[in-house]
């Protein structure tokens, strides 16, 4: 009798242990994905600027994606991108403005610090906002330095070509890495008369001149936005630094898109060059609607969501 009762006791202990393990494993897997990338990224190492330059030489496509906060930075980095851009596009997709012109240095520093806290393996690049580098060389140097020192980024991105090459040259001369940005430069939206394709017909030579000027000024890479694919191919062939396209066709050395765009979370506009890899907006709305309905009906919180 004692032996049988003892076996029954051991059986129940084992059954309890298995049931607890079954309940813990899904949470552990979710936690490992979100908070601990070690198992997923064991083969990866921290991406540096020399790595980005080598990728062009080796003809390995460069993958860049935006992120504006800690949780998205964790998820984007876990997806295996090579570079994370804290873009001033946050003014539109995160803060709801009509353009990027209202974004301030304080906002860029806040968002860059948040992304940097995720300790990404990807190279971390941050945009220099409008009027943070155009007023004077001294102010440009100081503000770019703040992005690295206070924001913990590894590089800055500056919009402009021939007209801004002297700024890029001055900033890179004090060992602050700069990624250039030509073509459709959102901070010049009013001069361009809107978000329009640049570099067609007689504009092509100017875009090529801009690319060469940015390279000569010491930039380690350059974003080509909304220019004809054949022109982007010519620039990519001519430059020794990597080109990263956004609406510039398939022949660039890499590509960048806005995270909210590829997830279907930005309803303000959908550029032609964006591909939706997920449609999360309806799923989020449905989840919130279900939560609201359960609160109103009394179904949530249930006993399992409460403490004794």
Foldseek 3Di string as FASTA:
>chain_A
DVVVVVVVVVVVVVVVVVVVCVVVVVVVVVCCLQPNLCVLQVVAAAADLVNQLVLLVVLNAAEEEEDQAQRVLSNVLSVPHQEYEPELCCVCQVVNDPASQPDDLVSQLVRLQRSCVNVGSHQYEYEDHPPQQPPDLVSLLVSLVCCCPRSVHQAYEYEDFPVCLVSLLSNVVVPHAYEYEDFQDRNCQVVVVHRAAACPDPRVVVRLRRLVSNVVSPHQEYEYERYDQVSQLVSQVPDSHFYEYQNRDDNGSYYYDYPCQLACNRPPDHDPRTHHPHNCPVVVVVVVVVVVVCVVVVVPPDPVVDDD
